[in-house]
Amino acid sequence: MDIMDFRRQHKTFYTKMKVSKENIGRRTGHHLRYLAGSNGKKVFCRYGKRDESLMYISVDLLYDALFEIHTLSGHRAWHSTKKIANLKYANIPQDQIKCFVETCPVCSSKKAANLKRQKIGLGEEEETT
């Protein structure tokens, strides 16, 4: 395949591509907005199902955002953390939230304490019977 065949075959793909500007448009639902308390810093967002503005978060800030969300949820399970994350952010994957909750030091210490209590409880029941 030579270059002309390639261009002919993929012409529609390249003609649909547009340069992103500040006014991105209503069709995509993507927009830029000022971040509160950041002295004019803009973030890339999209509109959710209920017309709320959901931020796209960078990889650098992902851990901090997950820590904040998981702590605010009261160290609950991953699905509770996912519900809260979906209210504010547009691009945090479910697997990432599961991994974070599984490796949370507070949650893992609670699990260890619960397992220890269960083992002690089972041991006491066996001795009394």
C-alpha atoms as a PDB file:
ATOM      1  CA  MET A   1       0.000   0.000   0.000  1.00  0.00           C
ATOM      2  CA  ASP A   2       1.471   3.328  -0.990  1.00  0.00           C
ATOM      3  CA  ILE A   3       0.868   6.649   0.740  1.00  0.00           C
ATOM      4  CA  MET A   4      -1.883   7.768  -1.630  1.00  0.00           C
ATOM      5  CA  ASP A   5      -3.903   4.601  -0.987  1.00  0.00           C
ATOM      6  CA  PHE A   6      -3.483   5.091   2.745  1.00  0.00           C
ATOM      7  CA  ARG A   7      -4.705   8.701   2.547  1.00  0.00           C
ATOM      8  CA  ARG A   8      -7.652   7.717   0.388  1.00  0.00           C
ATOM      9  CA  GLN A   9      -8.629   4.922   2.761  1.00  0.00           C
ATOM     10  CA  HIS A  10      -8.388   7.066   5.923  1.00  0.00           C
ATOM     11  CA  LYS A  11      -9.537  10.387   4.503  1.00  0.00           C
ATOM     12  CA  THR A  12     -12.783  10.553   6.455  1.00  0.00           C
ATOM     13  CA  PHE A  13     -11.014   9.896   9.767  1.00  0.00           C
ATOM     14  CA  TYR A  14      -8.553  12.762   9.320  1.00  0.00           C
ATOM     15  CA  THR A  15     -11.148  15.221   8.002  1.00  0.00           C
ATOM     16  CA  LYS A  16     -13.313  14.688  11.111  1.00  0.00           C
ATOM     17  CA  MET A  17     -10.476  15.616  13.465  1.00  0.00           C
ATOM     18  CA  LYS A  18     -10.673  19.176  14.790  1.00  0.00           C
ATOM     19  CA  VAL A  19      -8.228  21.334  16.656  1.00  0.00           C
ATOM     20  CA  SER A  20      -9.295  21.794  20.263  1.00  0.00           C
ATOM     21  CA  LYS A  21     -10.000  25.397  21.232  1.00  0.00           C
ATOM     22  CA  GLU A  22     -11.160  27.001  24.426  1.00  0.00           C
ATOM     23  CA  ASN A  23     -14.784  26.903  23.284  1.00  0.00           C
ATOM     24  CA  ILE A  24     -14.919  23.170  22.641  1.00  0.00           C
ATOM     25  CA  GLY A  25     -18.640  22.960  21.989  1.00  0.00           C
ATOM     26  CA  ARG A  26     -22.001  21.678  23.042  1.00  0.00           C
ATOM     27  CA  ARG A  27     -21.948  18.558  20.893  1.00  0.00           C
ATOM     28  CA  THR A  28     -19.183  16.846  22.849  1.00  0.00           C
ATOM     29  CA  GLY A  29     -20.087  18.257  26.251  1.00  0.00           C
ATOM     30  CA  HIS A  30     -16.425  18.981  26.937  1.00  0.00           C
ATOM     31  CA  HIS A  31     -15.442  22.360  28.334  1.00  0.00           C
ATOM     32  CA  LEU A  32     -12.829  24.185  30.360  1.00  0.00           C
ATOM     33  CA  ARG A  33     -13.710  25.722  33.700  1.00  0.00           C
ATOM     34  CA  TYR A  34     -11.854  27.599  36.385  1.00  0.00           C
ATOM     35  CA  LEU A  35     -10.875  25.580  39.421  1.00  0.00           C
ATOM     36  CA  ALA A  36     -12.101  27.162  42.645  1.00  0.00           C
ATOM     37  CA  GLY A  37      -9.326  28.742  44.704  1.00  0.00           C
ATOM     38  CA  SER A  38      -6.574  28.080  42.170  1.00  0.00           C
ATOM     39  CA  ASN A  39      -5.849  31.620  40.911  1.00  0.00           C
ATOM     40  CA  GLY A  40      -7.149  31.150  37.393  1.00  0.00           C
ATOM     41  CA  LYS A  41      -6.162  27.519  36.780  1.00  0.00           C
ATOM     42  CA  LYS A  42      -8.453  25.806  34.265  1.00  0.00           C
ATOM     43  CA  VAL A  43      -9.440  22.141  34.211  1.00  0.00           C
ATOM     44  CA  PHE A  44     -10.829  20.023  31.385  1.00  0.00           C
ATOM     45  CA  CYS A  45     -14.365  18.788  32.126  1.00  0.00           C
ATOM     46  CA  ARG A  46     -17.358  17.090  30.589  1.00  0.00           C
ATOM     47  CA  TYR A  47     -21.032  17.192  31.432  1.00  0.00           C
ATOM     48  CA  GLY A  48     -22.494  14.169  33.198  1.00  0.00           C
ATOM     49  CA  LYS A  49     -25.914  12.585  32.823  1.00  0.00           C
ATOM     50  CA  ARG A  50     -27.553  15.196  35.062  1.00  0.00           C
ATOM     51  CA  ASP A  51     -25.678  18.148  33.454  1.00  0.00           C
ATOM     52  CA  GLU A  52     -23.151  18.321  36.283  1.00  0.00           C
ATOM     53  CA  SER A  53     -19.585  19.287  35.410  1.00  0.00           C
ATOM     54  CA  LEU A  54     -17.193  16.331  35.916  1.00  0.00           C
ATOM     55  CA  MET A  55     -13.443  16.974  36.008  1.00  0.00           C
ATOM     56  CA  TYR A  56     -10.814  14.916  34.238  1.00  0.00           C
ATOM     57  CA  ILE A  57      -8.034  14.243  36.725  1.00  0.00           C
ATOM     58  CA  SER A  58      -4.369  13.848  35.856  1.00  0.00           C
ATOM     59  CA  VAL A  59      -2.382  10.787  36.858  1.00  0.00           C
ATOM     60  CA  ASP A  60      -0.295  12.922  39.225  1.00  0.00           C
ATOM     61  CA  LEU A  61      -3.344  13.847  41.304  1.00  0.00           C
ATOM     62  CA  LEU A  62      -5.117  10.487  41.145  1.00  0.00           C
ATOM     63  CA  TYR A  63      -3.778   9.101  44.451  1.00  0.00           C
ATOM     64  CA  ASP A  64      -4.636  12.288  46.355  1.00  0.00           C
ATOM     65  CA  ALA A  65      -8.159  12.341  44.923  1.00  0.00           C
ATOM     66  CA  LEU A  66      -8.753   8.670  45.742  1.00  0.00           C
ATOM     67  CA  PHE A  67      -7.422   9.159  49.271  1.00  0.00           C
ATOM     68  CA  GLU A  68      -9.730  12.128  49.822  1.00  0.00           C
ATOM     69  CA  ILE A  69     -12.787  10.335  48.422  1.00  0.00           C
ATOM     70  CA  HIS A  70     -12.145   7.089  50.305  1.00  0.00           C
ATOM     71  CA  THR A  71     -11.583   8.944  53.587  1.00  0.00           C
ATOM     72  CA  LEU A  72     -14.744  11.034  53.109  1.00  0.00           C
ATOM     73  CA  SER A  73     -16.731   7.859  52.479  1.00  0.00           C
ATOM     74  CA  GLY A  74     -15.629   6.578  55.879  1.00  0.00           C
ATOM     75  CA  HIS A  75     -13.310   3.844  54.512  1.00  0.00           C
ATOM     76  CA  ARG A  76     -16.222   1.968  52.985  1.00  0.00           C
ATOM     77  CA  ALA A  77     -16.086  -0.600  50.201  1.00  0.00           C
ATOM     78  CA  TRP A  78     -14.945   0.196  46.675  1.00  0.00           C
ATOM     79  CA  HIS A  79     -18.474   0.620  45.270  1.00  0.00           C
ATOM     80  CA  SER A  80     -19.273   3.380  47.788  1.00  0.00           C
ATOM     81  CA  THR A  81     -16.022   5.098  46.903  1.00  0.00           C
ATOM     82  CA  LYS A  82     -16.854   4.720  43.192  1.00  0.00           C
ATOM     83  CA  LYS A  83     -20.259   6.380  43.672  1.00  0.00           C
ATOM     84  CA  ILE A  84     -18.654   9.409  45.313  1.00  0.00           C
ATOM     85  CA  ALA A  85     -15.894   9.554  42.680  1.00  0.00           C
ATOM     86  CA  ASN A  86     -18.486   9.530  39.881  1.00  0.00           C
ATOM     87  CA  LEU A  87     -20.079  12.663  41.347  1.00  0.00           C
ATOM     88  CA  LYS A  88     -16.894  14.713  40.880  1.00  0.00           C
ATOM     89  CA  TYR A  89     -14.524  13.043  38.390  1.00  0.00           C
ATOM     90  CA  ALA A  90     -14.958  11.721  34.853  1.00  0.00           C
ATOM     91  CA  ASN A  91     -12.023   9.378  34.384  1.00  0.00           C
ATOM     92  CA  ILE A  92     -11.273   7.279  37.476  1.00  0.00           C
ATOM     93  CA  PRO A  93     -11.537   3.588  36.477  1.00  0.00           C
ATOM     94  CA  GLN A  94     -13.233   1.023  38.689  1.00  0.00           C
ATOM     95  CA  ASP A  95     -10.136  -1.215  38.818  1.00  0.00           C
ATOM     96  CA  GLN A  96      -8.043   1.683  40.098  1.00  0.00           C
ATOM     97  CA  ILE A  97     -10.524   2.293  42.915  1.00  0.00           C
ATOM     98  CA  LYS A  98     -10.609  -1.428  43.803  1.00  0.00           C
ATOM     99  CA  CYS A  99      -6.798  -1.571  44.020  1.00  0.00           C
ATOM    100  CA  PHE A 100      -6.693   1.561  46.162  1.00  0.00           C
ATOM    101  CA  VAL A 101      -9.303   0.278  48.620  1.00  0.00           C
ATOM    102  CA  GLU A 102      -7.613  -3.150  48.850  1.00  0.00           C
ATOM    103  CA  THR A 103      -4.267  -1.522  49.711  1.00  0.00           C
ATOM    104  CA  CYS A 104      -5.652   1.124  52.086  1.00  0.00           C
ATOM    105  CA  PRO A 105      -3.708   0.758  55.369  1.00  0.00           C
ATOM    106  CA  VAL A 106      -6.688   1.710  57.557  1.00  0.00           C
ATOM    107  CA  CYS A 107      -9.009  -0.778  55.847  1.00  0.00           C
ATOM    108  CA  SER A 108      -6.448  -3.587  55.897  1.00  0.00           C
ATOM    109  CA  SER A 109      -5.823  -3.094  59.634  1.00  0.00           C
ATOM    110  CA  LYS A 110      -9.597  -3.208  60.247  1.00  0.00           C
ATOM    111  CA  LYS A 111      -9.851  -6.430  58.220  1.00  0.00           C
ATOM    112  CA  ALA A 112      -6.981  -7.989  60.183  1.00  0.00           C
ATOM    113  CA  ALA A 113      -8.615  -7.045  63.491  1.00  0.00           C
ATOM    114  CA  ASN A 114     -11.972  -8.481  62.373  1.00  0.00           C
ATOM    115  CA  LEU A 115     -10.354 -11.740  61.258  1.00  0.00           C
ATOM    116  CA  LYS A 116      -8.534 -11.998  64.584  1.00  0.00           C
ATOM    117  CA  ARG A 117     -11.808 -11.473  66.482  1.00  0.00           C
ATOM    118  CA  GLN A 118     -13.542 -14.105  64.358  1.00  0.00           C
ATOM    119  CA  LYS A 119     -10.777 -16.637  64.987  1.00  0.00           C
ATOM    120  CA  ILE A 120     -10.892 -15.974  68.720  1.00  0.00           C
ATOM    121  CA  GLY A 121     -14.695 -16.280  68.684  1.00  0.00           C
ATOM    122  CA  LEU A 122     -14.532 -19.575  66.810  1.00  0.00           C
ATOM    123  CA  GLY A 123     -11.907 -20.913  69.192  1.00  0.00           C
ATOM    124  CA  GLU A 124     -14.047 -20.088  72.247  1.00  0.00           C
ATOM    125  CA  GLU A 125     -17.100 -21.803  70.769  1.00  0.00           C
ATOM    126  CA  GLU A 126     -15.149 -24.995  70.086  1.00  0.00           C
ATOM    127  CA  GLU A 127     -13.823 -25.163  73.652  1.00  0.00           C
ATOM    128  CA  THR A 128     -17.267 -24.774  75.269  1.00  0.00           C
ATOM    129  CA  THR A 129     -18.909 -27.565  73.250  1.00  0.00           C
END
